[in-house]
């Protein structure tokens, strides 16, 4: 089992805020630090200091951390050409001595695209599939050979397919609740399938769906890691109320079925149930990066209760 901290820096946090959280997560024994890939705050509130770029941030963290894994959950296919993305991720992998992971998705937040002049096409699943073809194709092309691709959206001609990641394969995460295309894409390209922000029956259903997608292409379902991400409100009842307020919500409106919500024993029981459903990695989503006490509670009180 692996346990990750998952952050949303677009809500108003700087690189230094992310560094503090990543270092604390490493110190407390978490396996990975992940961040979203967004350029605009969601909901009301002060947007300052403004967005940080995901892969620029992870490059910095690669040099300032030692052991913790680093990745996106998830980068959007609308932000970067796949050839550029393959270079960026491979470089962060080298800078971290083999600790980078790429989560890639279709993107969904149209307003941030309008805000920063980024095209937001309708048929993004086709972009996702083709970007994964290109990125993984570049990384797996034998050394000394070139990679070419002629697709509906991208054309690469005799790319030297460099640099190579340190890891082979570099972990690729595909996630989402789609009933058909997402599981098929995950089965074909991913090393990890992620489902987030749903209740346990839905987790079980989505895990079964992606297993069936693997079987349809003769892939061993056990070769695909399964993970769950849930927003986390941990601690005493007063702590939980404070974390809910940081989300701009009332505790009464938050369902414990689709959140990690409560004290250490409650959260540990939920993690154990998710493990029984097949989860091999857990993401604790934290919104308030200024609240280091929240992460420290997870590390000090929750992690020792969890299966490894």
Protein backbone atom coordinates (compact mmCIF):
# COMPACT_ATOMS: atom_id res chain seq x y z
CA UNK A 1 0.00 0.00 0.00
CA UNK A 2 1.01 3.56 -0.75
CA UNK A 3 -0.29 6.78 0.80
CA UNK A 4 -0.08 10.12 -1.00
CA UNK A 5 -0.77 13.76 -0.27
CA UNK A 6 -2.80 15.38 -3.06
CA UNK A 7 -3.03 19.20 -3.22
CA UNK A 8 -4.93 21.91 -5.11
CA UNK A 9 -2.46 24.83 -5.29
CA UNK A 10 -4.63 26.89 -7.66
CA UNK A 11 -6.78 27.75 -4.64
CA UNK A 12 -4.24 30.38 -3.61
CA UNK A 13 -0.87 28.85 -2.73
CA UNK A 14 2.68 29.62 -3.77
CA UNK A 15 5.60 27.38 -4.64
CA UNK A 16 6.92 27.88 -1.09
CA UNK A 17 3.60 26.66 0.35
CA UNK A 18 3.85 23.53 -1.79
CA UNK A 19 7.47 22.98 -0.81
CA UNK A 20 6.54 23.14 2.88
CA UNK A 21 3.78 20.55 2.39
CA UNK A 22 5.99 18.26 0.28
CA UNK A 23 8.80 18.35 2.82
CA UNK A 24 6.38 17.69 5.68
CA UNK A 25 4.84 14.79 3.75
CA UNK A 26 8.30 13.34 3.16
CA UNK A 27 9.22 13.78 6.81
CA UNK A 28 6.08 12.00 8.00
CA UNK A 29 6.55 9.00 5.74
CA UNK A 30 4.05 9.58 2.94
CA UNK A 31 4.96 7.90 -0.32
CA UNK A 32 4.13 10.70 -2.75
CA UNK A 33 3.20 14.35 -3.20
CA UNK A 34 0.75 15.06 -6.01
CA UNK A 35 -0.75 18.29 -7.20
CA UNK A 36 -3.53 19.29 -9.55
CA UNK A 37 -2.77 20.97 -12.87
CA UNK A 38 -4.96 24.08 -12.95
CA UNK A 39 -4.46 27.76 -13.70
CA UNK A 40 -7.53 29.29 -12.05
CA UNK A 41 -9.01 29.23 -8.58
CA UNK A 42 -12.28 27.34 -8.25
CA UNK A 43 -15.10 28.99 -6.32
CA UNK A 44 -15.10 32.28 -4.46
CA UNK A 45 -12.09 33.72 -2.70
CA UNK A 46 -8.88 35.65 -3.23
CA UNK A 47 -6.97 34.19 -6.21
CA UNK A 48 -3.62 35.61 -5.08
CA UNK A 49 -0.76 34.85 -5.37
CA UNK A 50 -1.96 33.32 -8.62
CA UNK A 51 -1.39 29.98 -10.28
CA UNK A 52 1.80 27.95 -10.33
CA UNK A 53 2.59 25.68 -13.25
CA UNK A 54 2.45 22.01 -12.27
CA UNK A 55 5.56 20.74 -14.03
CA UNK A 56 7.63 23.81 -13.18
CA UNK A 57 6.67 23.23 -9.54
CA UNK A 58 7.50 19.52 -9.67
CA UNK A 59 10.88 20.29 -11.24
CA UNK A 60 11.68 22.52 -8.29
CA UNK A 61 10.47 19.95 -5.79
CA UNK A 62 12.56 17.31 -7.54
CA UNK A 63 15.68 19.16 -6.42
CA UNK A 64 14.46 20.03 -2.92
CA UNK A 65 13.12 16.64 -1.82
CA UNK A 66 14.89 13.31 -1.48
CA UNK A 67 12.61 10.29 -1.40
CA UNK A 68 8.99 11.27 -1.97
CA UNK A 69 7.45 10.57 -5.37
CA UNK A 70 6.12 13.53 -7.36
CA UNK A 71 3.29 13.75 -9.86
CA UNK A 72 0.12 15.30 -11.26
CA UNK A 73 -3.43 14.23 -10.66
CA UNK A 74 -3.99 15.08 -13.40
CA UNK A 75 -2.41 17.13 -16.17
CA UNK A 76 -4.76 18.22 -18.93
CA UNK A 77 -4.23 17.31 -22.58
CA UNK A 78 -5.26 20.85 -23.49
CA UNK A 79 -2.24 22.50 -21.88
CA UNK A 80 0.76 20.93 -23.63
CA UNK A 81 1.70 19.24 -26.88
CA UNK A 82 2.53 15.59 -26.20
CA UNK A 83 6.10 15.88 -27.48
CA UNK A 84 6.75 18.77 -25.09
CA UNK A 85 5.03 16.96 -22.23
CA UNK A 86 7.15 13.84 -22.78
CA UNK A 87 10.31 15.96 -22.53
CA UNK A 88 9.10 17.83 -19.43
CA UNK A 89 8.15 14.70 -17.51
CA UNK A 90 11.31 12.83 -18.50
CA UNK A 91 13.38 15.79 -17.35
CA UNK A 92 11.62 15.94 -13.96
CA UNK A 93 12.19 12.18 -13.67
CA UNK A 94 15.91 12.75 -14.21
CA UNK A 95 15.98 15.72 -11.83
CA UNK A 96 14.36 13.59 -9.12
CA UNK A 97 16.43 10.47 -9.81
CA UNK A 98 13.39 8.49 -10.93
CA UNK A 99 10.54 9.78 -8.78
CA UNK A 100 8.15 11.36 -11.34
CA UNK A 101 4.67 10.14 -12.25
CA UNK A 102 2.36 11.46 -14.96
CA UNK A 103 -1.36 11.64 -14.41
CA UNK A 104 -3.07 12.68 -17.65
CA UNK A 105 -6.71 13.50 -18.32
CA UNK A 106 -9.02 15.28 -20.71
CA UNK A 107 -9.39 18.50 -18.74
CA UNK A 108 -12.77 19.91 -17.76
CA UNK A 109 -12.50 23.47 -16.38
CA UNK A 110 -13.52 25.52 -19.39
CA UNK A 111 -13.43 28.87 -17.61
CA UNK A 112 -9.71 28.68 -16.89
CA UNK A 113 -9.09 27.98 -20.57
CA UNK A 114 -11.00 31.14 -21.50
CA UNK A 115 -9.15 33.12 -18.81
CA UNK A 116 -5.70 32.25 -20.17
CA UNK A 117 -6.45 31.89 -23.87
CA UNK A 118 -6.10 28.10 -24.00
CA UNK A 119 -8.20 26.28 -26.63
CA UNK A 120 -10.86 23.99 -25.18
CA UNK A 121 -11.96 21.54 -27.89
CA UNK A 122 -15.06 19.39 -27.58
CA UNK A 123 -13.61 15.97 -28.40
CA UNK A 124 -10.92 15.68 -25.76
CA UNK A 125 -11.03 11.91 -25.26
CA UNK A 126 -9.49 11.54 -28.71
CA UNK A 127 -6.75 13.96 -27.65
CA UNK A 128 -6.12 11.96 -24.49
CA UNK A 129 -5.75 8.68 -26.33
CA UNK A 130 -3.46 10.14 -28.96
CA UNK A 131 -1.33 12.02 -26.43
CA UNK A 132 -0.79 8.79 -24.51
CA UNK A 133 0.21 7.06 -27.75
CA UNK A 134 2.78 9.76 -28.42
CA UNK A 135 4.16 10.15 -24.88
CA UNK A 136 4.54 6.44 -24.23
CA UNK A 137 5.79 5.90 -27.77
CA UNK A 138 8.56 8.44 -27.33
CA UNK A 139 9.59 6.94 -23.99
CA UNK A 140 9.64 3.34 -25.20
CA UNK A 141 11.37 3.86 -28.56
CA UNK A 142 14.66 1.93 -28.40
CA UNK A 143 17.75 4.04 -27.85
CA UNK A 144 19.24 5.14 -31.15
CA UNK A 145 15.97 4.79 -33.06
CA UNK A 146 13.48 7.50 -34.01
CA UNK A 147 9.76 7.84 -33.39
CA UNK A 148 7.19 9.00 -35.93
CA UNK A 149 3.45 9.40 -35.52
CA UNK A 150 0.71 10.36 -37.95
CA UNK A 151 -2.55 10.92 -36.11
CA UNK A 152 -5.72 12.93 -36.31
CA UNK A 153 -4.34 15.64 -34.02
CA UNK A 154 -0.54 15.31 -33.88
CA UNK A 155 2.21 14.54 -36.37
CA UNK A 156 5.77 13.72 -35.32
CA UNK A 157 8.47 12.99 -37.86
CA UNK A 158 11.70 11.17 -36.96
CA UNK A 159 11.82 12.41 -33.37
CA UNK A 160 15.02 11.22 -31.64
CA UNK A 161 12.75 10.19 -28.73
CA UNK A 162 14.96 11.83 -26.15
CA UNK A 163 15.39 12.32 -23.27
CA UNK A 164 14.43 8.98 -21.82
CA UNK A 165 12.96 8.82 -18.31
CA UNK A 166 15.04 7.22 -15.58
CA UNK A 167 12.15 4.86 -14.85
CA UNK A 168 11.08 2.22 -17.33
CA UNK A 169 8.19 2.35 -17.44
CA UNK A 170 7.53 5.76 -15.95
CA UNK A 171 4.21 5.47 -14.08
CA UNK A 172 1.21 6.79 -16.03
CA UNK A 173 -2.10 7.40 -14.25
CA UNK A 174 -5.47 7.57 -16.00
CA UNK A 175 -8.57 8.21 -13.94
CA UNK A 176 -12.21 9.06 -14.01
CA UNK A 177 -15.66 7.62 -13.72
CA UNK A 178 -16.52 7.18 -17.38
CA UNK A 179 -18.20 3.84 -18.07
CA UNK A 180 -16.46 2.93 -21.32
CA UNK A 181 -13.70 5.09 -22.80
CA UNK A 182 -11.80 5.87 -19.60
CA UNK A 183 -11.44 2.21 -18.54
CA UNK A 184 -10.42 1.24 -22.08
CA UNK A 185 -7.75 3.96 -22.24
CA UNK A 186 -6.48 3.05 -18.76
CA UNK A 187 -6.26 -0.63 -19.69
CA UNK A 188 -4.27 0.20 -22.81
CA UNK A 189 -1.84 2.81 -21.54
CA UNK A 190 -1.83 3.24 -17.76
CA UNK A 191 0.15 1.71 -14.95
CA UNK A 192 -2.49 3.04 -12.50
CA UNK A 193 -6.23 3.61 -12.64
CA UNK A 194 -7.63 6.23 -10.25
CA UNK A 195 -11.17 6.92 -9.13
CA UNK A 196 -11.95 9.88 -6.91
CA UNK A 197 -14.62 11.50 -4.78
CA UNK A 198 -17.18 8.69 -4.86
CA UNK A 199 -18.62 6.24 -2.35
CA UNK A 200 -17.40 2.70 -1.79
CA UNK A 201 -20.00 0.91 -3.96
CA UNK A 202 -19.00 3.14 -6.85
CA UNK A 203 -15.31 2.39 -6.23
CA UNK A 204 -16.07 -1.32 -6.40
CA UNK A 205 -18.03 -0.88 -9.61
CA UNK A 206 -15.32 1.18 -11.31
CA UNK A 207 -12.59 -1.27 -10.29
CA UNK A 208 -14.63 -4.11 -11.79
CA UNK A 209 -15.17 -2.11 -14.98
CA UNK A 210 -11.48 -1.42 -15.50
CA UNK A 211 -10.64 -5.08 -14.78
CA UNK A 212 -13.06 -6.10 -17.51
CA UNK A 213 -11.43 -3.59 -19.87
CA UNK A 214 -8.05 -5.19 -19.19
CA UNK A 215 -9.41 -8.65 -19.87
CA UNK A 216 -10.84 -7.54 -23.22
CA UNK A 217 -7.33 -6.73 -24.46
CA UNK A 218 -5.71 -9.75 -22.77
CA UNK A 219 -3.99 -7.67 -20.12
CA UNK A 220 -3.68 -9.15 -16.66
CA UNK A 221 -5.93 -6.93 -14.48
CA UNK A 222 -3.51 -7.41 -11.59
CA UNK A 223 -0.87 -5.50 -13.58
CA UNK A 224 -2.92 -2.28 -13.28
CA UNK A 225 -2.60 -0.53 -9.92
CA UNK A 226 -5.88 0.79 -8.51
CA UNK A 227 -6.13 3.94 -6.43
CA UNK A 228 -8.70 6.14 -4.70
CA UNK A 229 -8.57 9.89 -4.02
CA UNK A 230 -10.85 11.50 -1.44
CA UNK A 231 -11.05 14.97 0.06
CA UNK A 232 -9.81 14.72 3.64
CA UNK A 233 -11.13 16.35 6.82
CA UNK A 234 -9.23 14.69 9.65
CA UNK A 235 -9.15 15.20 13.40
CA UNK A 236 -11.50 16.09 16.22
CA UNK A 237 -15.06 17.33 15.51
CA UNK A 238 -13.76 20.88 15.89
CA UNK A 239 -10.94 20.15 13.44
CA UNK A 240 -13.39 18.69 10.93
CA UNK A 241 -15.57 21.80 11.17
CA UNK A 242 -12.50 23.97 10.57
CA UNK A 243 -11.47 21.94 7.52
CA UNK A 244 -15.02 22.14 6.16
CA UNK A 245 -14.99 25.92 6.61
CA UNK A 246 -11.75 26.07 4.61
CA UNK A 247 -13.68 24.40 1.79
CA UNK A 248 -16.45 26.96 2.15
CA UNK A 249 -18.87 24.25 3.27
CA UNK A 250 -20.83 23.14 6.31
CA UNK A 251 -20.07 19.76 7.87
CA UNK A 252 -23.73 18.78 7.63
CA UNK A 253 -23.53 19.07 3.84
CA UNK A 254 -20.51 16.77 3.46
CA UNK A 255 -21.05 13.05 3.05
CA UNK A 256 -18.62 10.77 4.91
CA UNK A 257 -19.39 8.14 2.25
CA UNK A 258 -17.27 10.00 -0.30
CA UNK A 259 -14.75 11.72 1.99
CA UNK A 260 -12.12 10.84 4.56
CA UNK A 261 -13.88 12.54 7.44
CA UNK A 262 -13.35 12.08 11.16
CA UNK A 263 -10.68 11.02 13.61
CA UNK A 264 -7.81 8.63 12.95
CA UNK A 265 -9.78 5.48 13.71
CA UNK A 266 -12.65 6.45 11.41
CA UNK A 267 -10.30 7.24 8.54
CA UNK A 268 -8.30 4.05 9.10
CA UNK A 269 -11.48 1.96 8.98
CA UNK A 270 -12.43 3.51 5.66
CA UNK A 271 -8.96 2.92 4.23
CA UNK A 272 -9.16 -0.73 5.28
CA UNK A 273 -12.51 -1.07 3.46
CA UNK A 274 -11.05 0.47 0.32
CA UNK A 275 -8.12 -1.93 0.48
CA UNK A 276 -10.59 -4.80 0.66
CA UNK A 277 -12.17 -3.45 -2.54
CA UNK A 278 -8.78 -3.57 -4.28
CA UNK A 279 -7.20 -0.17 -3.67
CA UNK A 280 -3.40 -0.25 -3.66
CA UNK A 281 -2.82 3.48 -3.30
CA UNK A 282 -4.70 6.19 -1.39
CA UNK A 283 -4.64 9.94 -2.06
CA UNK A 284 -5.52 12.25 0.84
CA UNK A 285 -6.69 15.46 -0.84
CA UNK A 286 -5.84 18.56 1.21
CA UNK A 287 -7.09 22.01 0.19
CA UNK A 288 -5.61 24.30 2.84
CA UNK A 289 -1.86 24.13 2.24
CA UNK A 290 -1.29 26.62 5.02
CA UNK A 291 -2.59 24.12 7.56
CA UNK A 292 0.47 21.97 8.22
CA UNK A 293 -1.16 20.67 11.41
CA UNK A 294 -3.68 18.81 9.26
CA UNK A 295 -0.96 16.92 7.41
CA UNK A 296 0.92 16.29 10.63
CA UNK A 297 -2.20 14.75 12.18
CA UNK A 298 -2.46 12.39 9.21
CA UNK A 299 1.19 11.47 9.52
CA UNK A 300 1.28 11.13 13.29
CA UNK A 301 -2.14 9.63 14.06
CA UNK A 302 -3.51 8.07 10.87
CA UNK A 303 -0.55 6.53 9.01
CA UNK A 304 0.45 4.19 11.88
CA UNK A 305 -3.05 2.64 11.74
CA UNK A 306 -2.99 1.90 8.01
CA UNK A 307 -2.02 -1.35 6.25
CA UNK A 308 1.27 -1.49 4.42
